[in-house]
Amino acid sequence: MTTVEVEYCVPCGFLSRAEDVQHALLTTFGEDLEAVTLRTGDDGVFRVRVDDAVVFDKSEDAYDVDEIVREVREYV
């Protein structure tokens, strides 16, 4: 089963973004995912990993929930 981790910057207020991604992934893939976990971070981080592979990093990509879901789909 696939595990997804969403790491987000707490001081930046990215919790709502992290929750949006978590909700979209659970709604889209449901029982095909073992877990979608939220991990706190800082320094502006917003990163999504699937089984340790980074599929989204705010420092490199524009934030788009639908695109993140498409990237995760390749692993599910």
C-alpha atoms as a PDB file:
ATOM      1  CA  MET A   1       0.000   0.000   0.000  1.00  0.00           C
ATOM      2  CA  THR A   2       1.042   3.557  -0.657  1.00  0.00           C
ATOM      3  CA  THR A   3       1.900   6.048   2.088  1.00  0.00           C
ATOM      4  CA  VAL A   4       1.804   9.809   1.515  1.00  0.00           C
ATOM      5  CA  GLU A   5       3.382  12.428   3.758  1.00  0.00           C
ATOM      6  CA  VAL A   6       2.569  16.131   3.523  1.00  0.00           C
ATOM      7  CA  GLU A   7       5.211  18.269   5.251  1.00  0.00           C
ATOM      8  CA  TYR A   8       4.149  21.861   5.831  1.00  0.00           C
ATOM      9  CA  CYS A   9       5.506  25.022   7.425  1.00  0.00           C
ATOM     10  CA  VAL A  10       3.659  25.771  10.663  1.00  0.00           C
ATOM     11  CA  PRO A  11       4.820  29.418  11.060  1.00  0.00           C
ATOM     12  CA  CYS A  12       3.824  30.104   7.428  1.00  0.00           C
ATOM     13  CA  GLY A  13       0.249  28.993   8.074  1.00  0.00           C
ATOM     14  CA  PHE A  14       0.296  26.169   5.514  1.00  0.00           C
ATOM     15  CA  LEU A  15      -1.879  23.851   7.625  1.00  0.00           C
ATOM     16  CA  SER A  16      -4.988  24.578   5.547  1.00  0.00           C
ATOM     17  CA  ARG A  17      -3.097  23.750   2.336  1.00  0.00           C
ATOM     18  CA  ALA A  18      -1.851  20.511   3.882  1.00  0.00           C
ATOM     19  CA  GLU A  19      -5.389  19.606   4.947  1.00  0.00           C
ATOM     20  CA  ASP A  20      -6.699  20.398   1.449  1.00  0.00           C
ATOM     21  CA  VAL A  21      -4.136  18.043  -0.105  1.00  0.00           C
ATOM     22  CA  GLN A  22      -4.860  15.353   2.481  1.00  0.00           C
ATOM     23  CA  HIS A  23      -8.609  15.615   1.855  1.00  0.00           C
ATOM     24  CA  ALA A  24      -8.199  15.535  -1.943  1.00  0.00           C
ATOM     25  CA  LEU A  25      -5.983  12.451  -1.787  1.00  0.00           C
ATOM     26  CA  LEU A  26      -8.239  10.555   0.608  1.00  0.00           C
ATOM     27  CA  THR A  27     -11.323  11.478  -1.406  1.00  0.00           C
ATOM     28  CA  THR A  28      -9.704  10.451  -4.695  1.00  0.00           C
ATOM     29  CA  PHE A  29      -7.868   7.291  -3.680  1.00  0.00           C
ATOM     30  CA  GLY A  30      -9.631   6.195  -0.482  1.00  0.00           C
ATOM     31  CA  GLU A  31      -8.679   2.686   0.566  1.00  0.00           C
ATOM     32  CA  ASP A  32      -5.876   2.477  -2.022  1.00  0.00           C
ATOM     33  CA  LEU A  33      -3.751   4.532   0.385  1.00  0.00           C
ATOM     34  CA  GLU A  34      -2.360   3.153   3.610  1.00  0.00           C
ATOM     35  CA  ALA A  35      -2.019   6.627   5.134  1.00  0.00           C
ATOM     36  CA  VAL A  36      -1.859  10.332   4.348  1.00  0.00           C
ATOM     37  CA  THR A  37       0.049  11.927   7.193  1.00  0.00           C
ATOM     38  CA  LEU A  38       0.741  15.552   8.014  1.00  0.00           C
ATOM     39  CA  ARG A  39       4.226  16.421   9.250  1.00  0.00           C
ATOM     40  CA  THR A  40       5.064  19.777  10.763  1.00  0.00           C
ATOM     41  CA  GLY A  41       8.024  21.765   9.490  1.00  0.00           C
ATOM     42  CA  ASP A  42       9.331  25.305   9.130  1.00  0.00           C
ATOM     43  CA  ASP A  43      11.442  27.511   6.840  1.00  0.00           C
ATOM     44  CA  GLY A  44       8.657  27.757   4.242  1.00  0.00           C
ATOM     45  CA  VAL A  45       8.516  24.024   3.519  1.00  0.00           C
ATOM     46  CA  PHE A  46       5.569  22.483   1.718  1.00  0.00           C
ATOM     47  CA  ARG A  47       6.513  19.095   0.340  1.00  0.00           C
ATOM     48  CA  VAL A  48       4.572  15.952  -0.592  1.00  0.00           C
ATOM     49  CA  ARG A  49       6.270  12.559  -0.528  1.00  0.00           C
ATOM     50  CA  VAL A  50       4.926   9.244  -1.744  1.00  0.00           C
ATOM     51  CA  ASP A  51       6.794   6.294  -0.266  1.00  0.00           C
ATOM     52  CA  ASP A  52       9.829   8.608   0.282  1.00  0.00           C
ATOM     53  CA  ALA A  53       9.785   9.967  -3.308  1.00  0.00           C
ATOM     54  CA  VAL A  54       9.169  13.733  -3.473  1.00  0.00           C
ATOM     55  CA  VAL A  55       6.296  14.429  -5.881  1.00  0.00           C
ATOM     56  CA  PHE A  56       5.784  18.092  -4.967  1.00  0.00           C
ATOM     57  CA  ASP A  57       8.062  20.741  -3.471  1.00  0.00           C
ATOM     58  CA  LYS A  58       6.864  24.335  -3.135  1.00  0.00           C
ATOM     59  CA  SER A  59      10.362  25.592  -3.821  1.00  0.00           C
ATOM     60  CA  GLU A  60      10.233  24.006  -7.305  1.00  0.00           C
ATOM     61  CA  ASP A  61       6.538  23.773  -8.249  1.00  0.00           C
ATOM     62  CA  ALA A  62       3.488  26.032  -8.203  1.00  0.00           C
ATOM     63  CA  TYR A  63       0.903  24.950  -5.609  1.00  0.00           C
ATOM     64  CA  ASP A  64      -1.957  23.131  -7.350  1.00  0.00           C
ATOM     65  CA  VAL A  65      -3.959  20.482  -5.495  1.00  0.00           C
ATOM     66  CA  ASP A  66      -5.141  18.829  -8.724  1.00  0.00           C
ATOM     67  CA  GLU A  67      -1.578  18.535 -10.006  1.00  0.00           C
ATOM     68  CA  ILE A  68      -0.442  17.005  -6.724  1.00  0.00           C
ATOM     69  CA  VAL A  69      -3.240  14.417  -6.995  1.00  0.00           C
ATOM     70  CA  ARG A  70      -2.131  13.615 -10.576  1.00  0.00           C
ATOM     71  CA  GLU A  71       1.464  13.148  -9.407  1.00  0.00           C
ATOM     72  CA  VAL A  72       0.404  10.838  -6.583  1.00  0.00           C
ATOM     73  CA  ARG A  73      -1.777   8.804  -8.990  1.00  0.00           C
ATOM     74  CA  GLU A  74       1.384   7.487 -10.667  1.00  0.00           C
ATOM     75  CA  TYR A  75       2.290   5.700  -7.406  1.00  0.00           C
ATOM     76  CA  VAL A  76      -1.127   4.339  -6.444  1.00  0.00           C
END
